[in-house]
Amino acid sequence: MINDVFYTRYNHPLFYGGNIPPQVQILFTQAGHIIFEDICKGYKIPIDIFTKSHKKLAREIGLVSLGPGSTDDEICGLLIFERYNLWNDRHGEGDYFIKLRISLIELIFRELESFAESMQTQKKGLFSPTNIAAYTSLSAALSSAISELNSRFRTCGFPLHYHNGYIQFSNDQVIAQEIEEPFWALLKDQKWKNVDIDMKEAIHRRDIKGRDAALYAFKALESTIKIISDEKGFTSGKEKGAASYIDNLVSKSNGRFIDVWEANLLKMLFSELRNPHGHGPGAEEMPQLTQEQETFVIESAMTWVKSLITRK
């Protein structure tokens, strides 16, 4: 099974140089403390979380084992806390060393979140008071741990952000705190899973300079509009595109979920930006956006999604 990890998503060099900056080494040490001190010591975390993380990353890297250690949690811990040594062949280039550890941290947090979520479905979804308390406590601890990890990324000067199982790039600290973090927190509910998937794809395509990053951001926004229209009972089944669903939200008979000016802005975004990129241009020039424009579209879509979801 092919696993989606940071190392393979960002296979172009991110770091050049023979030595790792001290602040990056400190970042990994801090991430290790968050995982092993704040989470593992306070909660009954199964070693299977580290086994899965270790095996998944080892497979993608093409190794039998990521390093020394007698148990998977020990191997993971030693790898995260390990200091870079230019003369250690196992460490490889600095770029490899950094990506490997970011990938492992990503996988461990992904598995931790998955474990916390699985507690909700134990006994076919029927909670005992003990399970409810345990889940609530672990979820709160994980939320705090993720918040600290993202804060550590910013302090270190690494333009990275962890959200819903993935570490991706985030180039603006204010945008990250005011828009991105609240946005990703809202998408934890399973009903927004398609919004989550498409927005992650948009960010990934922008980061690797791939095509159609903005298109995926618009897909995420359109899914949000459709879900809200369905949930509110506005959908008639005769809709022919995003504009029809926007009409459902602005309809006076539906109580004006959004105002007229908001509907006009949304329609303009779809008609002027999404539509040219969502259809083949024929013999015309292929439409393209700069990376700055793609970032603007992604951040705008996030803002719209956040605004729409938080409305009553």
Protein backbone atom coordinates (compact mmCIF):
# COMPACT_ATOMS: atom_id res chain seq x y z
CA MET A 1 0.00 0.00 0.00
CA ILE A 2 1.36 3.42 -0.98
CA ASN A 3 1.29 5.86 1.93
CA ASP A 4 1.06 9.63 1.57
CA VAL A 5 3.98 11.09 3.52
CA PHE A 6 5.75 14.45 3.56
CA TYR A 7 8.94 12.93 2.13
CA THR A 8 7.28 11.76 -1.09
CA ARG A 9 4.92 14.74 -1.47
CA TYR A 10 7.83 17.19 -1.46
CA ASN A 11 10.49 15.28 -3.33
CA HIS A 12 12.22 18.43 -4.61
CA PRO A 13 15.01 19.81 -2.36
CA LEU A 14 13.75 22.04 0.45
CA PHE A 15 17.06 22.49 2.24
CA TYR A 16 20.52 23.05 0.84
CA GLY A 17 23.64 22.73 2.93
CA GLY A 18 25.84 20.29 4.78
CA ASN A 19 24.73 21.13 8.31
CA ILE A 20 21.35 21.42 9.99
CA PRO A 21 20.62 24.83 11.58
CA PRO A 22 20.51 24.63 15.42
CA GLN A 23 16.92 25.91 15.53
CA VAL A 24 15.79 22.97 13.37
CA GLN A 25 17.49 20.47 15.67
CA ILE A 26 15.77 22.18 18.60
CA LEU A 27 12.43 21.95 16.77
CA PHE A 28 12.74 18.16 16.43
CA THR A 29 13.66 17.83 20.10
CA GLN A 30 10.62 19.92 21.06
CA ALA A 31 8.37 17.82 18.82
CA GLY A 32 9.72 14.70 20.52
CA HIS A 33 8.88 16.13 23.94
CA ILE A 34 5.35 16.95 22.77
CA ILE A 35 4.81 13.38 21.57
CA PHE A 36 6.54 11.35 24.27
CA GLU A 37 6.08 13.61 27.31
CA ASP A 38 2.76 15.38 26.78
CA ILE A 39 0.82 12.61 25.03
CA CYS A 40 2.42 9.22 25.69
CA LYS A 41 3.10 9.68 29.41
CA GLY A 42 -0.34 11.01 30.19
CA TYR A 43 -2.46 8.58 28.17
CA LYS A 44 -2.56 4.88 27.32
CA ILE A 45 -1.18 5.16 23.80
CA PRO A 46 -0.76 1.74 22.12
CA ILE A 47 2.68 0.99 20.71
CA ASP A 48 0.86 0.05 17.50
CA ILE A 49 0.76 3.78 16.68
CA PHE A 50 4.55 3.83 16.48
CA THR A 51 4.66 0.49 14.68
CA LYS A 52 2.36 1.78 11.95
CA SER A 53 4.24 5.08 11.66
CA HIS A 54 7.62 3.34 11.53
CA LYS A 55 6.60 0.70 8.99
CA LYS A 56 4.77 3.14 6.70
CA LEU A 57 7.70 5.54 6.50
CA ALA A 58 10.30 2.76 6.17
CA ARG A 59 8.36 1.36 3.21
CA GLU A 60 8.18 4.71 1.43
CA ILE A 61 11.87 5.41 2.03
CA GLY A 62 12.81 1.89 0.98
CA LEU A 63 14.34 0.75 4.27
CA VAL A 64 13.84 -2.25 6.53
CA SER A 65 14.13 -0.05 9.61
CA LEU A 66 14.52 3.68 10.18
CA GLY A 67 17.34 3.23 12.68
CA PRO A 68 18.55 1.63 15.90
CA GLY A 69 16.21 0.56 18.68
CA SER A 70 14.60 -2.61 20.01
CA THR A 71 10.94 -1.48 19.81
CA ASP A 72 9.08 0.71 17.36
CA ASP A 73 8.45 3.48 19.88
CA GLU A 74 12.16 3.45 20.75
CA ILE A 75 13.16 3.59 17.08
CA CYS A 76 10.81 6.54 16.50
CA GLY A 77 12.02 8.36 19.61
CA LEU A 78 15.71 7.90 18.81
CA LEU A 79 15.15 9.11 15.25
CA ILE A 80 13.32 12.29 16.29
CA PHE A 81 15.77 13.21 19.06
CA GLU A 82 18.88 12.28 17.06
CA ARG A 83 21.36 15.05 16.20
CA TYR A 84 22.61 15.40 12.65
CA ASN A 85 26.12 14.15 11.93
CA LEU A 86 27.53 15.00 8.52
CA TRP A 87 29.86 11.99 8.74
CA ASN A 88 27.11 9.50 9.55
CA ASP A 89 26.17 7.84 6.25
CA ARG A 90 22.77 6.84 7.64
CA HIS A 91 21.87 10.52 8.09
CA GLY A 92 22.44 11.33 4.42
CA GLU A 93 22.14 14.88 3.12
CA GLY A 94 20.62 17.55 5.32
CA ASP A 95 17.47 17.70 3.17
CA TYR A 96 16.93 13.94 3.61
CA PHE A 97 17.54 14.14 7.36
CA ILE A 98 14.99 16.93 7.81
CA LYS A 99 12.29 15.43 5.56
CA LEU A 100 12.59 12.05 7.23
CA ARG A 101 11.88 13.50 10.67
CA ILE A 102 9.08 15.79 9.49
CA SER A 103 7.52 12.75 7.80
CA LEU A 104 7.72 10.66 10.97
CA ILE A 105 6.24 13.45 13.11
CA GLU A 106 3.42 13.82 10.56
CA LEU A 107 2.66 10.09 10.60
CA ILE A 108 2.72 9.83 14.40
CA PHE A 109 0.28 12.72 14.78
CA ARG A 110 -1.89 11.25 12.02
CA GLU A 111 -2.01 7.92 13.84
CA LEU A 112 -2.69 9.63 17.18
CA GLU A 113 -5.65 11.49 15.71
CA SER A 114 -6.90 8.31 14.09
CA PHE A 115 -6.65 6.49 17.43
CA ALA A 116 -8.58 9.24 19.20
CA GLU A 117 -11.29 9.12 16.54
CA SER A 118 -11.52 5.33 16.77
CA MET A 119 -12.46 5.66 20.44
CA GLN A 120 -15.73 7.21 19.28
CA THR A 121 -16.70 4.09 17.34
CA GLN A 122 -15.87 1.49 19.99
CA LYS A 123 -18.75 -0.84 20.85
CA LYS A 124 -20.58 0.19 17.66
CA GLY A 125 -20.63 3.81 18.73
CA LEU A 126 -22.08 3.21 22.19
CA PHE A 127 -19.95 5.06 24.70
CA SER A 128 -19.43 4.15 28.30
CA PRO A 129 -18.87 7.13 30.63
CA THR A 130 -15.23 6.02 30.96
CA ASN A 131 -14.71 6.02 27.19
CA ILE A 132 -16.35 9.44 26.83
CA ALA A 133 -14.04 10.92 29.46
CA ALA A 134 -10.97 9.27 27.95
CA TYR A 135 -11.82 10.45 24.44
CA THR A 136 -12.56 14.00 25.56
CA SER A 137 -9.35 14.18 27.55
CA LEU A 138 -7.15 12.75 24.78
CA SER A 139 -8.76 14.93 22.11
CA ALA A 140 -8.13 18.04 24.21
CA ALA A 141 -4.52 16.99 24.79
CA LEU A 142 -4.01 16.34 21.07
CA SER A 143 -5.51 19.68 20.15
CA SER A 144 -3.14 21.40 22.56
CA ALA A 145 -0.19 19.35 21.26
CA ILE A 146 -0.96 20.23 17.64
CA SER A 147 -1.31 23.89 18.53
CA GLU A 148 2.10 23.81 20.21
CA LEU A 149 3.67 21.96 17.29
CA ASN A 150 2.43 24.62 14.87
CA SER A 151 3.65 27.34 17.19
CA ARG A 152 7.07 25.66 17.29
CA PHE A 153 7.13 25.59 13.48
CA ARG A 154 6.52 29.34 13.41
CA THR A 155 9.10 30.07 16.11
CA CYS A 156 11.69 28.01 14.25
CA GLY A 157 10.99 29.91 11.05
CA PHE A 158 9.76 26.79 9.27
CA PRO A 159 6.78 27.74 7.05
CA LEU A 160 4.97 24.51 7.93
CA HIS A 161 1.59 23.72 9.45
CA TYR A 162 0.08 20.44 10.67
CA HIS A 163 -3.65 19.93 10.10
CA ASN A 164 -5.86 16.85 9.95
CA GLY A 165 -3.07 14.35 9.34
CA TYR A 166 -0.82 16.40 7.05
CA ILE A 167 2.09 18.80 7.33
CA GLN A 168 1.95 21.35 4.52
CA PHE A 169 3.44 24.75 3.80
CA SER A 170 2.00 27.95 5.23
CA ASN A 171 3.89 31.12 4.39
CA ASP A 172 2.08 33.75 6.46
CA GLN A 173 1.94 33.58 10.25
CA VAL A 174 -1.10 35.84 10.59
CA ILE A 175 -3.03 33.93 7.90
CA ALA A 176 -2.08 30.65 9.57
CA GLN A 177 -3.40 31.73 12.97
CA GLU A 178 -6.46 33.70 11.89
CA ILE A 179 -7.67 31.69 8.90
CA GLU A 180 -5.94 28.34 8.41
CA GLU A 181 -6.04 26.93 11.95
CA PRO A 182 -9.76 27.73 12.52
CA PHE A 183 -10.48 26.46 9.00
CA TRP A 184 -8.84 23.05 9.53
CA ALA A 185 -10.44 22.68 12.96
CA LEU A 186 -13.90 23.05 11.40
CA LEU A 187 -13.21 20.27 8.89
CA LYS A 188 -12.66 17.56 11.50
CA ASP A 189 -16.33 16.58 11.17
CA GLN A 190 -16.62 13.75 8.62
CA LYS A 191 -19.30 15.53 6.61
CA TRP A 192 -16.64 17.99 5.42
CA LYS A 193 -14.20 15.25 4.30
CA ASN A 194 -14.39 16.20 0.61
CA VAL A 195 -13.72 19.84 1.47
CA ASP A 196 -10.70 18.70 3.50
CA ILE A 197 -9.36 16.47 0.70
CA ASP A 198 -9.68 19.08 -2.05
CA MET A 199 -8.17 21.92 -0.02
CA LYS A 200 -5.16 19.79 0.91
CA GLU A 201 -4.76 18.97 -2.78
CA ALA A 202 -4.95 22.66 -3.68
CA ILE A 203 -2.18 23.51 -1.22
CA HIS A 204 -0.04 20.60 -2.37
CA ARG A 205 -0.34 21.53 -6.04
CA ARG A 206 0.55 25.14 -5.27
CA ASP A 207 3.58 24.08 -3.22
CA ILE A 208 5.02 21.79 -5.90
CA LYS A 209 4.13 24.29 -8.66
CA GLY A 210 1.65 21.83 -10.13
CA ARG A 211 -1.37 22.68 -12.26
CA ASP A 212 -4.90 23.66 -11.20
CA ALA A 213 -4.28 24.44 -7.52
CA ALA A 214 -7.02 27.09 -7.62
CA LEU A 215 -9.45 24.64 -9.22
CA TYR A 216 -9.23 22.34 -6.19
CA ALA A 217 -9.76 25.26 -3.82
CA PHE A 218 -12.95 26.08 -5.72
CA LYS A 219 -14.03 22.44 -5.54
CA ALA A 220 -13.70 22.65 -1.76
CA LEU A 221 -15.76 25.83 -1.67
CA GLU A 222 -18.42 24.39 -3.98
CA SER A 223 -18.73 21.26 -1.83
CA THR A 224 -19.28 23.47 1.22
CA ILE A 225 -22.05 25.41 -0.51
CA LYS A 226 -23.74 22.19 -1.66
CA ILE A 227 -23.56 20.54 1.77
CA ILE A 228 -25.08 23.58 3.47
CA SER A 229 -27.81 23.84 0.83
CA ASP A 230 -28.65 20.15 1.33
CA GLU A 231 -28.60 20.34 5.13
CA LYS A 232 -30.82 23.42 5.22
CA GLY A 233 -33.34 21.78 2.91
CA PHE A 234 -32.78 24.38 0.18
CA THR A 235 -31.76 21.92 -2.55
CA SER A 236 -34.49 21.17 -5.10
CA GLY A 237 -32.61 18.67 -7.26
CA LYS A 238 -32.87 20.92 -10.32
CA GLU A 239 -29.60 22.76 -9.70
CA LYS A 240 -27.23 22.98 -12.68
CA GLY A 241 -24.05 24.24 -11.08
CA ALA A 242 -22.49 26.32 -8.32
CA ALA A 243 -24.54 29.40 -9.25
CA SER A 244 -27.80 27.52 -8.62
CA TYR A 245 -26.65 26.44 -5.16
CA ILE A 246 -25.57 30.01 -4.39
CA ASP A 247 -29.08 31.11 -5.40
CA ASN A 248 -30.44 28.64 -2.85
CA LEU A 249 -28.40 30.32 -0.10
CA VAL A 250 -29.33 33.88 -1.08
CA SER A 251 -33.02 33.14 -1.76
CA LYS A 252 -35.35 35.39 0.22
CA SER A 253 -37.81 32.51 0.61
CA ASN A 254 -35.02 30.49 2.27
CA GLY A 255 -34.33 33.26 4.75
CA ARG A 256 -31.27 34.75 3.03
CA PHE A 257 -28.57 32.50 4.47
CA ILE A 258 -26.17 34.89 2.71
CA ASP A 259 -26.75 38.46 1.55
CA VAL A 260 -27.11 39.53 -2.06
CA TRP A 261 -23.68 41.16 -2.19
CA GLU A 262 -22.11 37.94 -0.90
CA ALA A 263 -23.90 35.91 -3.55
CA ASN A 264 -22.64 38.29 -6.23
CA LEU A 265 -19.05 37.95 -5.01
CA LEU A 266 -19.27 34.16 -4.92
CA LYS A 267 -20.73 33.98 -8.41
CA MET A 268 -18.02 36.28 -9.73
CA LEU A 269 -15.32 34.06 -8.23
CA PHE A 270 -16.75 31.00 -9.91
CA SER A 271 -17.46 32.63 -13.28
CA GLU A 272 -14.25 34.68 -13.57
CA LEU A 273 -11.76 32.27 -11.98
CA ARG A 274 -13.14 28.74 -11.59
CA ASN A 275 -14.88 28.33 -14.93
CA PRO A 276 -11.91 29.22 -17.18
CA HIS A 277 -9.78 26.66 -15.31
CA GLY A 278 -12.50 24.02 -15.12
CA HIS A 279 -13.04 23.71 -18.86
CA GLY A 280 -10.74 22.96 -21.77
CA PRO A 281 -9.60 26.19 -23.49
CA GLY A 282 -9.69 24.69 -26.98
CA ALA A 283 -7.27 26.56 -29.24
CA GLU A 284 -7.05 29.49 -26.83
CA GLU A 285 -4.10 30.09 -24.51
CA MET A 286 -4.08 27.82 -21.45
CA PRO A 287 -5.24 29.91 -18.45
CA GLN A 288 -2.62 30.16 -15.71
CA LEU A 289 -2.33 31.83 -12.34
CA THR A 290 0.84 32.91 -10.60
CA GLN A 291 1.70 31.24 -7.30
CA GLU A 292 0.72 34.47 -5.52
CA GLN A 293 -2.68 34.42 -7.25
CA GLU A 294 -3.16 30.75 -6.37
CA THR A 295 -2.38 31.53 -2.73
CA PHE A 296 -4.94 34.36 -2.84
CA VAL A 297 -7.60 31.99 -4.23
CA ILE A 298 -6.81 29.31 -1.62
CA GLU A 299 -6.92 31.78 1.27
CA SER A 300 -10.11 33.39 -0.08
CA ALA A 301 -11.77 29.98 -0.42
CA MET A 302 -10.73 29.11 3.14
CA THR A 303 -12.23 32.37 4.40
CA TRP A 304 -15.51 31.72 2.58
CA VAL A 305 -15.71 28.13 3.83
CA LYS A 306 -15.02 29.22 7.41
CA SER A 307 -17.61 31.97 7.18
CA LEU A 308 -20.31 29.71 5.71
CA ILE A 309 -19.79 26.81 8.11
CA THR A 310 -19.87 28.97 11.23
CA ARG A 311 -23.22 30.59 10.34
CA LYS A 312 -26.34 29.36 12.05
